[in-house]
């Protein structure tokens, strides 16, 4: 958890259940809440003019979203969609900011979290500018593997479908499938 659940509840947060595929907020909506996932998977995405989906991030238990916009008057640049049934803690912007003032140690925790997320964006932006599909997929998986709790060799379970990998890297799903097959054959032959 980014912020302790009990502290959020003490400061006015409420649990909200979302069904799979339910919209939490849309691009262009005003940021009014801090969101922290208790259970479930949330996807942050956008759609190009041609209707192609681009996934900005996929978040799960203990992660938060939308918090960076609570420090400005900007609108959400992405959609937030529940990909599974979700239980999410919501805290009003005013209560969130008051909680930070009263618990200054949370500011460092929040800055570290936002810094890690920004680092991920830099890595993925650079990786996605590559023409090499293996580099794009490897960068995505390495980042998520690094953030996983397990450090045992071969213990990282890829948390994405091929479609999600395509959406996160800006590639077509067919390209992802071909690339992974080719990559695995090459790796197994070594």
N, C-alpha and C. Protein backbone atom coordinates (compact mmCIF):
# COMPACT_ATOMS: atom_id res chain seq x y z
N UNK A 1 0.84 -1.20 0.00
CA UNK A 1 0.00 0.00 0.00
C UNK A 1 0.88 1.26 0.00
N UNK A 2 0.50 2.19 -0.81
CA UNK A 2 1.22 3.46 -0.83
C UNK A 2 0.97 4.19 0.48
N UNK A 3 -0.29 4.30 0.86
CA UNK A 3 -0.68 4.93 2.13
C UNK A 3 -1.49 3.92 2.92
N UNK A 4 -1.21 3.82 4.21
CA UNK A 4 -1.90 2.88 5.07
C UNK A 4 -3.41 3.05 4.96
N UNK A 5 -4.09 1.94 4.78
CA UNK A 5 -5.55 1.93 4.62
C UNK A 5 -6.27 2.62 5.79
N UNK A 6 -5.83 2.32 7.00
CA UNK A 6 -6.47 2.91 8.19
C UNK A 6 -6.31 4.42 8.22
N UNK A 7 -5.14 4.91 7.82
CA UNK A 7 -4.92 6.36 7.78
C UNK A 7 -5.85 7.01 6.76
N UNK A 8 -6.02 6.37 5.63
CA UNK A 8 -6.94 6.91 4.62
C UNK A 8 -8.37 6.96 5.17
N UNK A 9 -8.79 5.88 5.83
CA UNK A 9 -10.14 5.83 6.39
C UNK A 9 -10.33 6.89 7.48
N UNK A 10 -9.31 7.07 8.32
CA UNK A 10 -9.37 8.09 9.38
C UNK A 10 -9.51 9.49 8.81
N UNK A 11 -9.04 9.68 7.58
CA UNK A 11 -9.09 11.00 6.96
C UNK A 11 -10.25 11.17 5.98
N UNK A 12 -11.20 10.24 6.03
CA UNK A 12 -12.42 10.41 5.25
C UNK A 12 -12.55 9.57 4.00
N UNK A 13 -11.59 8.70 3.73
CA UNK A 13 -11.70 7.86 2.54
C UNK A 13 -12.86 6.89 2.69
N UNK A 14 -13.43 6.51 1.57
CA UNK A 14 -14.53 5.54 1.55
C UNK A 14 -14.19 4.45 0.55
N UNK A 15 -14.68 3.25 0.83
CA UNK A 15 -14.53 2.14 -0.11
C UNK A 15 -15.56 2.29 -1.21
N UNK A 16 -15.14 2.03 -2.42
CA UNK A 16 -16.07 2.03 -3.55
C UNK A 16 -15.78 0.79 -4.37
N UNK A 17 -16.81 0.04 -4.68
CA UNK A 17 -16.68 -1.16 -5.52
C UNK A 17 -17.01 -0.79 -6.96
N UNK A 18 -16.17 -1.27 -7.87
CA UNK A 18 -16.38 -1.07 -9.30
C UNK A 18 -16.45 -2.44 -9.96
N UNK A 19 -17.37 -2.61 -10.86
CA UNK A 19 -17.47 -3.85 -11.63
C UNK A 19 -16.46 -3.83 -12.76
N UNK A 20 -16.07 -5.02 -13.23
CA UNK A 20 -15.16 -5.10 -14.37
C UNK A 20 -15.73 -4.30 -15.54
N UNK A 21 -14.89 -3.54 -16.20
CA UNK A 21 -15.20 -2.68 -17.35
C UNK A 21 -15.88 -1.37 -16.96
N UNK A 22 -16.10 -1.14 -15.66
CA UNK A 22 -16.73 0.10 -15.23
C UNK A 22 -15.73 1.25 -15.29
N UNK A 23 -16.21 2.40 -15.72
CA UNK A 23 -15.37 3.60 -15.81
C UNK A 23 -15.24 4.23 -14.43
N UNK A 24 -14.00 4.49 -14.04
CA UNK A 24 -13.74 5.17 -12.76
C UNK A 24 -13.69 6.68 -13.02
N UNK A 25 -12.98 7.08 -14.07
CA UNK A 25 -13.04 8.45 -14.56
C UNK A 25 -12.62 8.46 -16.03
N UNK A 26 -12.96 9.54 -16.70
CA UNK A 26 -12.66 9.69 -18.12
C UNK A 26 -11.66 10.80 -18.36
N UNK A 27 -10.91 10.67 -19.42
CA UNK A 27 -10.00 11.74 -19.84
C UNK A 27 -10.82 13.02 -20.00
N UNK A 28 -10.32 14.09 -19.40
CA UNK A 28 -11.03 15.37 -19.46
C UNK A 28 -11.81 15.68 -18.19
N UNK A 29 -12.04 14.66 -17.34
CA UNK A 29 -12.71 14.91 -16.06
C UNK A 29 -11.76 15.66 -15.12
N UNK A 30 -12.32 16.43 -14.22
CA UNK A 30 -11.53 17.14 -13.21
C UNK A 30 -11.13 16.17 -12.10
N UNK A 31 -9.89 16.30 -11.64
CA UNK A 31 -9.37 15.43 -10.58
C UNK A 31 -9.92 15.89 -9.23
N UNK A 32 -10.72 15.02 -8.61
CA UNK A 32 -11.31 15.34 -7.31
C UNK A 32 -10.93 14.36 -6.21
N UNK A 33 -10.28 13.22 -6.57
CA UNK A 33 -10.04 12.16 -5.59
C UNK A 33 -8.65 11.55 -5.71
N UNK A 34 -8.18 11.06 -4.56
CA UNK A 34 -7.04 10.15 -4.51
C UNK A 34 -7.65 8.76 -4.55
N UNK A 35 -7.11 7.89 -5.40
CA UNK A 35 -7.61 6.52 -5.53
C UNK A 35 -6.51 5.54 -5.13
N UNK A 36 -6.86 4.56 -4.31
CA UNK A 36 -5.91 3.50 -3.95
C UNK A 36 -6.62 2.16 -4.08
N UNK A 37 -6.02 1.27 -4.84
CA UNK A 37 -6.64 -0.03 -5.11
C UNK A 37 -6.43 -0.95 -3.92
N UNK A 38 -7.53 -1.45 -3.37
CA UNK A 38 -7.47 -2.45 -2.31
C UNK A 38 -7.39 -3.83 -2.95
N UNK A 39 -8.26 -4.07 -3.92
CA UNK A 39 -8.29 -5.33 -4.67
C UNK A 39 -8.69 -5.03 -6.10
N UNK A 40 -8.04 -5.71 -7.04
CA UNK A 40 -8.44 -5.59 -8.43
C UNK A 40 -7.37 -5.01 -9.32
N UNK A 41 -7.74 -4.85 -10.59
CA UNK A 41 -6.83 -4.32 -11.61
C UNK A 41 -7.50 -3.14 -12.31
N UNK A 42 -6.76 -2.04 -12.42
CA UNK A 42 -7.23 -0.83 -13.07
C UNK A 42 -6.29 -0.50 -14.22
N UNK A 43 -6.86 -0.13 -15.34
CA UNK A 43 -6.06 0.25 -16.50
C UNK A 43 -6.25 1.74 -16.77
N UNK A 44 -5.15 2.43 -17.02
CA UNK A 44 -5.17 3.82 -17.46
C UNK A 44 -4.88 3.81 -18.95
N UNK A 45 -5.78 4.38 -19.76
CA UNK A 45 -5.60 4.31 -21.21
C UNK A 45 -6.10 5.56 -21.92
N UNK A 46 -5.77 5.61 -23.20
CA UNK A 46 -6.25 6.63 -24.13
C UNK A 46 -6.62 5.94 -25.42
N UNK A 47 -7.33 6.65 -26.28
CA UNK A 47 -7.65 6.13 -27.61
C UNK A 47 -7.19 7.14 -28.66
N UNK A 48 -6.51 6.63 -29.70
CA UNK A 48 -6.11 7.47 -30.83
C UNK A 48 -7.35 7.77 -31.67
N UNK A 49 -7.20 8.72 -32.59
CA UNK A 49 -8.32 9.09 -33.46
C UNK A 49 -8.86 7.89 -34.24
N UNK A 50 -7.98 6.94 -34.58
CA UNK A 50 -8.41 5.77 -35.35
C UNK A 50 -9.06 4.70 -34.46
N UNK A 51 -9.18 4.99 -33.17
CA UNK A 51 -9.83 4.05 -32.25
C UNK A 51 -8.88 3.07 -31.59
N UNK A 52 -7.59 3.10 -31.96
CA UNK A 52 -6.62 2.19 -31.36
C UNK A 52 -6.34 2.61 -29.92
N UNK A 53 -6.41 1.63 -29.03
CA UNK A 53 -6.18 1.88 -27.61
C UNK A 53 -4.69 1.93 -27.31
N UNK A 54 -4.29 2.88 -26.46
CA UNK A 54 -2.93 2.93 -25.94
C UNK A 54 -3.03 2.87 -24.42
N UNK A 55 -2.43 1.84 -23.84
CA UNK A 55 -2.47 1.66 -22.39
C UNK A 55 -1.30 2.39 -21.77
N UNK A 56 -1.60 3.31 -20.87
CA UNK A 56 -0.56 4.07 -20.17
C UNK A 56 0.02 3.26 -19.01
N UNK A 57 -0.85 2.54 -18.29
CA UNK A 57 -0.40 1.78 -17.14
C UNK A 57 -1.48 0.77 -16.74
N UNK A 58 -1.04 -0.31 -16.09
CA UNK A 58 -1.94 -1.29 -15.52
C UNK A 58 -1.55 -1.42 -14.06
N UNK A 59 -2.49 -1.15 -13.18
CA UNK A 59 -2.22 -1.09 -11.73
C UNK A 59 -3.03 -2.14 -10.99
N UNK A 60 -2.51 -2.55 -9.83
CA UNK A 60 -3.21 -3.58 -9.05
C UNK A 60 -3.12 -3.29 -7.56
N UNK A 61 -3.46 -4.29 -6.76
CA UNK A 61 -3.57 -4.17 -5.30
C UNK A 61 -2.45 -3.31 -4.70
N UNK A 62 -2.85 -2.33 -3.90
CA UNK A 62 -1.91 -1.50 -3.17
C UNK A 62 -1.41 -0.29 -3.92
N UNK A 63 -1.67 -0.22 -5.22
CA UNK A 63 -1.19 0.91 -6.00
C UNK A 63 -2.24 2.03 -6.04
N UNK A 64 -1.77 3.23 -6.33
CA UNK A 64 -2.66 4.38 -6.38
C UNK A 64 -2.62 5.00 -7.78
N UNK A 65 -3.58 5.87 -8.06
CA UNK A 65 -3.60 6.56 -9.35
C UNK A 65 -4.35 7.86 -9.24
N UNK A 66 -4.02 8.77 -10.16
CA UNK A 66 -4.66 10.08 -10.21
C UNK A 66 -4.12 11.09 -9.22
N UNK A 67 -3.19 10.68 -8.36
CA UNK A 67 -2.74 11.56 -7.29
C UNK A 67 -1.92 12.75 -7.77
N UNK A 68 -1.15 12.59 -8.84
CA UNK A 68 -0.30 13.71 -9.28
C UNK A 68 -1.14 14.91 -9.71
N UNK A 69 -2.34 14.68 -10.18
CA UNK A 69 -3.19 15.77 -10.65
C UNK A 69 -3.88 16.52 -9.51
N UNK A 70 -3.80 16.00 -8.30
CA UNK A 70 -4.40 16.67 -7.16
C UNK A 70 -3.58 17.89 -6.74
N UNK A 71 -2.38 18.04 -7.28
CA UNK A 71 -1.52 19.17 -6.96
C UNK A 71 -1.63 20.29 -7.99
N UNK A 72 -2.51 20.12 -8.96
CA UNK A 72 -2.71 21.14 -9.98
C UNK A 72 -4.20 21.17 -10.32
N UNK A 73 -4.54 22.04 -11.24
CA UNK A 73 -5.93 22.11 -11.68
C UNK A 73 -6.10 21.51 -13.07
N UNK A 74 -5.23 20.57 -13.41
CA UNK A 74 -5.30 19.92 -14.71
C UNK A 74 -6.38 18.83 -14.70
N UNK A 75 -6.86 18.52 -15.88
CA UNK A 75 -7.85 17.46 -16.04
C UNK A 75 -7.12 16.14 -16.27
N UNK A 76 -7.82 15.03 -16.02
CA UNK A 76 -7.22 13.72 -16.25
C UNK A 76 -6.85 13.57 -17.73
N UNK A 77 -5.61 13.17 -18.02
CA UNK A 77 -5.21 12.96 -19.41
C UNK A 77 -5.50 11.54 -19.90
N UNK A 78 -6.01 10.69 -19.01
CA UNK A 78 -6.30 9.29 -19.35
C UNK A 78 -7.68 8.91 -18.84
N UNK A 79 -8.13 7.77 -19.30
CA UNK A 79 -9.31 7.11 -18.73
C UNK A 79 -8.81 6.14 -17.66
N UNK A 80 -9.59 5.91 -16.62
CA UNK A 80 -9.30 4.86 -15.64
C UNK A 80 -10.47 3.89 -15.69
N UNK A 81 -10.16 2.64 -16.02
CA UNK A 81 -11.17 1.61 -16.22
C UNK A 81 -10.86 0.42 -15.31
N UNK A 82 -11.87 -0.07 -14.60
CA UNK A 82 -11.71 -1.29 -13.82
C UNK A 82 -11.64 -2.45 -14.80
N UNK A 83 -10.56 -3.21 -14.79
CA UNK A 83 -10.42 -4.35 -15.69
C UNK A 83 -10.93 -5.63 -15.05
N UNK A 84 -10.98 -5.62 -13.72
CA UNK A 84 -11.58 -6.71 -12.96
C UNK A 84 -12.51 -6.05 -11.95
N UNK A 85 -13.28 -6.83 -11.23
CA UNK A 85 -14.03 -6.24 -10.12
C UNK A 85 -13.01 -5.64 -9.17
N UNK A 86 -13.26 -4.43 -8.73
CA UNK A 86 -12.29 -3.71 -7.90
C UNK A 86 -12.93 -3.16 -6.63
N UNK A 87 -12.12 -3.12 -5.60
CA UNK A 87 -12.46 -2.42 -4.36
C UNK A 87 -11.40 -1.33 -4.22
N UNK A 88 -11.85 -0.08 -4.23
CA UNK A 88 -10.94 1.06 -4.27
C UNK A 88 -11.29 2.03 -3.14
N UNK A 89 -10.25 2.55 -2.50
CA UNK A 89 -10.43 3.62 -1.52
C UNK A 89 -10.37 4.95 -2.26
N UNK A 90 -11.36 5.81 -2.01
CA UNK A 90 -11.42 7.15 -2.61
C UNK A 90 -11.34 8.17 -1.49
N UNK A 91 -10.47 9.15 -1.67
CA UNK A 91 -10.34 10.24 -0.69
C UNK A 91 -10.42 11.56 -1.43
N UNK A 92 -11.32 12.42 -0.95
CA UNK A 92 -11.49 13.74 -1.59
C UNK A 92 -10.18 14.51 -1.61
N UNK A 93 -10.01 15.31 -2.65
CA UNK A 93 -8.80 16.11 -2.83
C UNK A 93 -8.48 16.95 -1.59
N UNK A 94 -9.46 17.67 -1.07
CA UNK A 94 -9.22 18.53 0.09
C UNK A 94 -8.78 17.71 1.31
N UNK A 95 -9.38 16.55 1.52
CA UNK A 95 -8.99 15.69 2.64
C UNK A 95 -7.60 15.09 2.41
N UNK A 96 -7.29 14.77 1.16
CA UNK A 96 -5.98 14.23 0.82
C UNK A 96 -4.88 15.25 1.12
N UNK A 97 -5.07 16.48 0.65
CA UNK A 97 -4.07 17.53 0.88
C UNK A 97 -3.93 17.84 2.36
N UNK A 98 -5.03 17.87 3.10
CA UNK A 98 -4.99 18.10 4.55
C UNK A 98 -4.21 16.96 5.24
N UNK A 99 -4.44 15.72 4.81
CA UNK A 99 -3.74 14.58 5.39
C UNK A 99 -2.23 14.70 5.17
N UNK A 100 -1.82 15.17 4.02
CA UNK A 100 -0.39 15.34 3.75
C UNK A 100 0.22 16.42 4.64
N UNK A 101 -0.50 17.50 4.86
CA UNK A 101 -0.01 18.58 5.73
C UNK A 101 0.15 18.07 7.16
N UNK A 102 -0.79 17.24 7.60
CA UNK A 102 -0.76 16.73 8.97
C UNK A 102 0.18 15.53 9.15
N UNK A 103 0.59 14.90 8.06
CA UNK A 103 1.47 13.73 8.11
C UNK A 103 2.61 13.93 7.11
N UNK A 104 3.52 14.81 7.47
CA UNK A 104 4.58 15.21 6.53
C UNK A 104 5.44 14.04 6.05
N UNK A 105 5.54 12.97 6.84
CA UNK A 105 6.31 11.81 6.40
C UNK A 105 5.71 11.17 5.15
N UNK A 106 4.40 11.36 4.95
CA UNK A 106 3.75 10.82 3.75
C UNK A 106 4.22 11.51 2.48
N UNK A 107 4.64 12.75 2.61
CA UNK A 107 5.08 13.50 1.43
C UNK A 107 6.28 12.81 0.78
N UNK A 108 7.24 12.38 1.61
CA UNK A 108 8.41 11.69 1.07
C UNK A 108 7.99 10.37 0.41
N UNK A 109 7.10 9.63 1.06
CA UNK A 109 6.59 8.37 0.49
C UNK A 109 5.92 8.64 -0.86
N UNK A 110 5.09 9.66 -0.90
CA UNK A 110 4.38 9.99 -2.13
C UNK A 110 5.35 10.46 -3.22
N UNK A 111 6.34 11.28 -2.86
CA UNK A 111 7.33 11.73 -3.84
C UNK A 111 8.11 10.55 -4.40
N UNK A 112 8.48 9.60 -3.55
CA UNK A 112 9.20 8.42 -4.02
C UNK A 112 8.33 7.64 -5.02
N UNK A 113 7.07 7.47 -4.66
CA UNK A 113 6.14 6.76 -5.53
C UNK A 113 6.00 7.48 -6.88
N UNK A 114 5.80 8.79 -6.85
CA UNK A 114 5.65 9.55 -8.09
C UNK A 114 6.95 9.55 -8.89
N UNK A 115 8.08 9.59 -8.20
CA UNK A 115 9.38 9.53 -8.86
C UNK A 115 9.56 8.19 -9.57
N UNK A 116 9.19 7.10 -8.91
CA UNK A 116 9.28 5.77 -9.53
C UNK A 116 8.39 5.69 -10.77
N UNK A 117 7.21 6.25 -10.67
CA UNK A 117 6.29 6.22 -11.82
C UNK A 117 6.82 7.07 -12.97
N UNK A 118 7.39 8.22 -12.65
CA UNK A 118 7.97 9.08 -13.68
C UNK A 118 9.17 8.40 -14.33
N UNK A 119 10.00 7.71 -13.53
CA UNK A 119 11.12 6.95 -14.05
C UNK A 119 10.62 5.92 -15.06
N UNK A 120 9.55 5.21 -14.70
CA UNK A 120 8.96 4.22 -15.61
C UNK A 120 8.54 4.87 -16.92
N UNK A 121 7.94 6.04 -16.83
CA UNK A 121 7.50 6.73 -18.06
C UNK A 121 8.69 7.08 -18.94
N UNK A 122 9.80 7.53 -18.33
CA UNK A 122 11.00 7.85 -19.12
C UNK A 122 11.52 6.60 -19.83
N UNK A 123 11.61 5.50 -19.09
CA UNK A 123 12.11 4.25 -19.65
C UNK A 123 11.21 3.78 -20.79
N UNK A 124 9.90 3.78 -20.55
CA UNK A 124 8.96 3.29 -21.57
C UNK A 124 8.91 4.23 -22.77
N UNK A 125 9.00 5.53 -22.55
CA UNK A 125 9.00 6.47 -23.68
C UNK A 125 10.20 6.23 -24.57
N UNK A 126 11.38 6.07 -23.96
CA UNK A 126 12.58 5.80 -24.74
C UNK A 126 12.47 4.45 -25.45
N UNK A 127 12.03 3.44 -24.71
CA UNK A 127 11.90 2.09 -25.28
C UNK A 127 10.90 2.08 -26.43
N UNK A 128 9.77 2.74 -26.24
CA UNK A 128 8.74 2.74 -27.28
C UNK A 128 9.14 3.53 -28.51
N UNK A 129 10.19 4.35 -28.40
CA UNK A 129 10.68 5.07 -29.58
C UNK A 129 11.57 4.18 -30.45
N UNK A 130 11.95 3.03 -29.92
CA UNK A 130 12.76 2.07 -30.66
C UNK A 130 11.93 1.41 -31.76
N UNK A 131 12.58 1.03 -32.83
CA UNK A 131 11.89 0.29 -33.89
C UNK A 131 11.93 -1.21 -33.63
N UNK A 132 12.77 -1.64 -32.69
CA UNK A 132 12.94 -3.06 -32.40
C UNK A 132 11.87 -3.54 -31.42
N UNK A 133 10.97 -4.43 -31.85
CA UNK A 133 9.91 -4.90 -30.96
C UNK A 133 10.43 -5.66 -29.74
N UNK A 134 11.54 -6.38 -29.88
CA UNK A 134 12.11 -7.11 -28.74
C UNK A 134 12.52 -6.12 -27.65
N UNK A 135 13.14 -5.02 -28.04
CA UNK A 135 13.56 -4.00 -27.06
C UNK A 135 12.36 -3.43 -26.31
N UNK A 136 11.28 -3.18 -27.03
CA UNK A 136 10.08 -2.64 -26.39
C UNK A 136 9.51 -3.61 -25.36
N UNK A 137 9.37 -4.86 -25.75
CA UNK A 137 8.77 -5.87 -24.86
C UNK A 137 9.70 -6.14 -23.68
N UNK A 138 11.00 -6.29 -23.97
CA UNK A 138 11.97 -6.57 -22.91
C UNK A 138 12.00 -5.45 -21.88
N UNK A 139 11.97 -4.21 -22.32
CA UNK A 139 11.98 -3.07 -21.41
C UNK A 139 10.75 -3.07 -20.51
N UNK A 140 9.59 -3.34 -21.09
CA UNK A 140 8.34 -3.40 -20.32
C UNK A 140 8.43 -4.50 -19.25
N UNK A 141 8.85 -5.68 -19.66
CA UNK A 141 8.91 -6.81 -18.73
C UNK A 141 9.99 -6.61 -17.67
N UNK A 142 11.15 -6.08 -18.07
CA UNK A 142 12.21 -5.82 -17.09
C UNK A 142 11.76 -4.85 -16.01
N UNK A 143 11.05 -3.80 -16.42
CA UNK A 143 10.57 -2.82 -15.44
C UNK A 143 9.63 -3.48 -14.43
N UNK A 144 8.68 -4.26 -14.91
CA UNK A 144 7.72 -4.89 -14.01
C UNK A 144 8.36 -6.01 -13.19
N UNK A 145 9.33 -6.68 -13.77
CA UNK A 145 10.05 -7.72 -13.02
C UNK A 145 10.83 -7.08 -11.87
N UNK A 146 11.47 -5.95 -12.15
CA UNK A 146 12.23 -5.24 -11.11
C UNK A 146 11.35 -4.82 -9.95
N UNK A 147 10.12 -4.46 -10.23
CA UNK A 147 9.18 -4.03 -9.20
C UNK A 147 8.49 -5.17 -8.47
N UNK A 148 8.66 -6.40 -8.95
CA UNK A 148 7.99 -7.52 -8.31
C UNK A 148 8.70 -7.90 -7.02
N UNK A 149 7.98 -8.58 -6.14
CA UNK A 149 8.52 -8.96 -4.84
C UNK A 149 9.48 -10.13 -4.91
N UNK A 150 9.27 -11.03 -5.83
CA UNK A 150 10.06 -12.26 -5.90
C UNK A 150 11.41 -12.00 -6.57
N UNK A 151 12.45 -12.50 -5.99
CA UNK A 151 13.80 -12.33 -6.55
C UNK A 151 14.39 -13.66 -7.01
N UNK A 152 13.60 -14.74 -6.93
CA UNK A 152 14.08 -16.04 -7.38
C UNK A 152 14.15 -16.06 -8.90
N UNK A 153 15.14 -16.80 -9.40
CA UNK A 153 15.30 -16.94 -10.84
C UNK A 153 14.08 -17.65 -11.42
N UNK A 154 13.56 -17.17 -12.52
CA UNK A 154 12.41 -17.72 -13.25
C UNK A 154 11.11 -17.69 -12.45
N UNK A 155 11.00 -16.82 -11.46
CA UNK A 155 9.78 -16.78 -10.65
C UNK A 155 8.82 -15.68 -11.07
N UNK A 156 9.24 -14.78 -11.95
CA UNK A 156 8.39 -13.67 -12.36
C UNK A 156 7.32 -14.17 -13.32
N UNK A 157 6.07 -13.98 -12.94
CA UNK A 157 4.95 -14.35 -13.79
C UNK A 157 4.48 -13.08 -14.52
N UNK A 158 4.49 -13.12 -15.83
CA UNK A 158 4.10 -11.96 -16.64
C UNK A 158 2.63 -11.65 -16.36
N UNK A 159 2.33 -10.44 -15.86
CA UNK A 159 0.96 -10.12 -15.47
C UNK A 159 0.08 -9.58 -16.60
N UNK A 160 0.56 -9.67 -17.84
CA UNK A 160 -0.15 -9.06 -18.96
C UNK A 160 -0.54 -10.09 -20.02
N UNK A 161 -1.64 -9.80 -20.67
CA UNK A 161 -2.01 -10.57 -21.86
C UNK A 161 -1.19 -10.03 -23.03
N UNK A 162 -1.20 -10.74 -24.14
CA UNK A 162 -0.49 -10.26 -25.33
C UNK A 162 -1.11 -8.94 -25.80
N UNK A 163 -2.42 -8.82 -25.68
CA UNK A 163 -3.09 -7.57 -26.08
C UNK A 163 -2.64 -6.42 -25.18
N UNK A 164 -2.51 -6.68 -23.89
CA UNK A 164 -2.07 -5.62 -22.97
C UNK A 164 -0.62 -5.21 -23.27
N UNK A 165 0.23 -6.18 -23.59
CA UNK A 165 1.61 -5.86 -23.97
C UNK A 165 1.60 -4.98 -25.22
N UNK A 166 0.75 -5.32 -26.18
CA UNK A 166 0.63 -4.51 -27.40
C UNK A 166 0.17 -3.10 -27.06
N UNK A 167 -0.83 -2.99 -26.21
CA UNK A 167 -1.35 -1.67 -25.84
C UNK A 167 -0.34 -0.84 -25.05
N UNK A 168 0.47 -1.50 -24.22
CA UNK A 168 1.48 -0.79 -23.43
C UNK A 168 2.68 -0.36 -24.26
N UNK A 169 2.94 -1.05 -25.36
CA UNK A 169 4.11 -0.74 -26.18
C UNK A 169 3.76 -0.03 -27.49
N UNK A 170 2.48 0.11 -27.77
CA UNK A 170 2.07 0.77 -29.00
C UNK A 170 2.23 -0.10 -30.25
N UNK A 171 2.31 -1.41 -30.05
CA UNK A 171 2.46 -2.33 -31.19
C UNK A 171 1.13 -3.03 -31.45
N UNK A 172 1.06 -3.69 -32.60
CA UNK A 172 -0.09 -4.53 -32.90
C UNK A 172 0.07 -5.85 -32.16
N UNK A 173 -1.03 -6.46 -31.77
CA UNK A 173 -0.96 -7.72 -31.03
C UNK A 173 -0.30 -8.81 -31.87
N UNK A 174 -0.50 -8.80 -33.16
CA UNK A 174 0.13 -9.79 -34.03
C UNK A 174 1.65 -9.67 -33.97
N UNK A 175 2.16 -8.43 -33.92
CA UNK A 175 3.60 -8.20 -33.81
C UNK A 175 4.12 -8.73 -32.48
N UNK A 176 3.37 -8.52 -31.41
CA UNK A 176 3.76 -9.02 -30.09
C UNK A 176 3.84 -10.55 -30.12
N UNK A 177 2.85 -11.20 -30.68
CA UNK A 177 2.82 -12.66 -30.73
C UNK A 177 4.02 -13.19 -31.52
N UNK A 178 4.25 -12.65 -32.71
CA UNK A 178 5.38 -13.10 -33.53
C UNK A 178 6.72 -12.86 -32.82
N UNK A 179 6.84 -11.70 -32.21
CA UNK A 179 8.10 -11.33 -31.54
C UNK A 179 8.38 -12.24 -30.36
N UNK A 180 7.37 -12.52 -29.56
CA UNK A 180 7.57 -13.39 -28.38
C UNK A 180 7.92 -14.80 -28.82
N UNK A 181 7.24 -15.31 -29.86
CA UNK A 181 7.55 -16.66 -30.35
C UNK A 181 8.99 -16.72 -30.87
N UNK A 182 9.37 -15.75 -31.67
CA UNK A 182 10.73 -15.71 -32.22
C UNK A 182 11.76 -15.56 -31.11
N UNK A 183 11.48 -14.71 -30.15
CA UNK A 183 12.37 -14.45 -29.02
C UNK A 183 12.54 -15.71 -28.18
N UNK A 184 11.43 -16.42 -27.90
CA UNK A 184 11.52 -17.62 -27.07
C UNK A 184 12.27 -18.74 -27.80
N UNK A 185 12.06 -18.88 -29.12
CA UNK A 185 12.81 -19.90 -29.89
C UNK A 185 14.31 -19.60 -29.84
N UNK A 186 14.65 -18.33 -30.00
CA UNK A 186 16.06 -17.90 -29.97
C UNK A 186 16.67 -18.17 -28.58
N UNK A 187 15.91 -17.87 -27.51
CA UNK A 187 16.40 -18.06 -26.14
C UNK A 187 16.55 -19.54 -25.83
N UNK A 188 15.60 -20.36 -26.26
CA UNK A 188 15.65 -21.80 -25.98
C UNK A 188 16.77 -22.50 -26.75
N UNK A 189 17.17 -21.96 -27.89
CA UNK A 189 18.22 -22.59 -28.69
C UNK A 189 19.61 -22.31 -28.15
N UNK A 190 19.72 -21.42 -27.20
CA UNK A 190 21.05 -21.09 -26.61
C UNK A 190 21.49 -22.11 -25.64
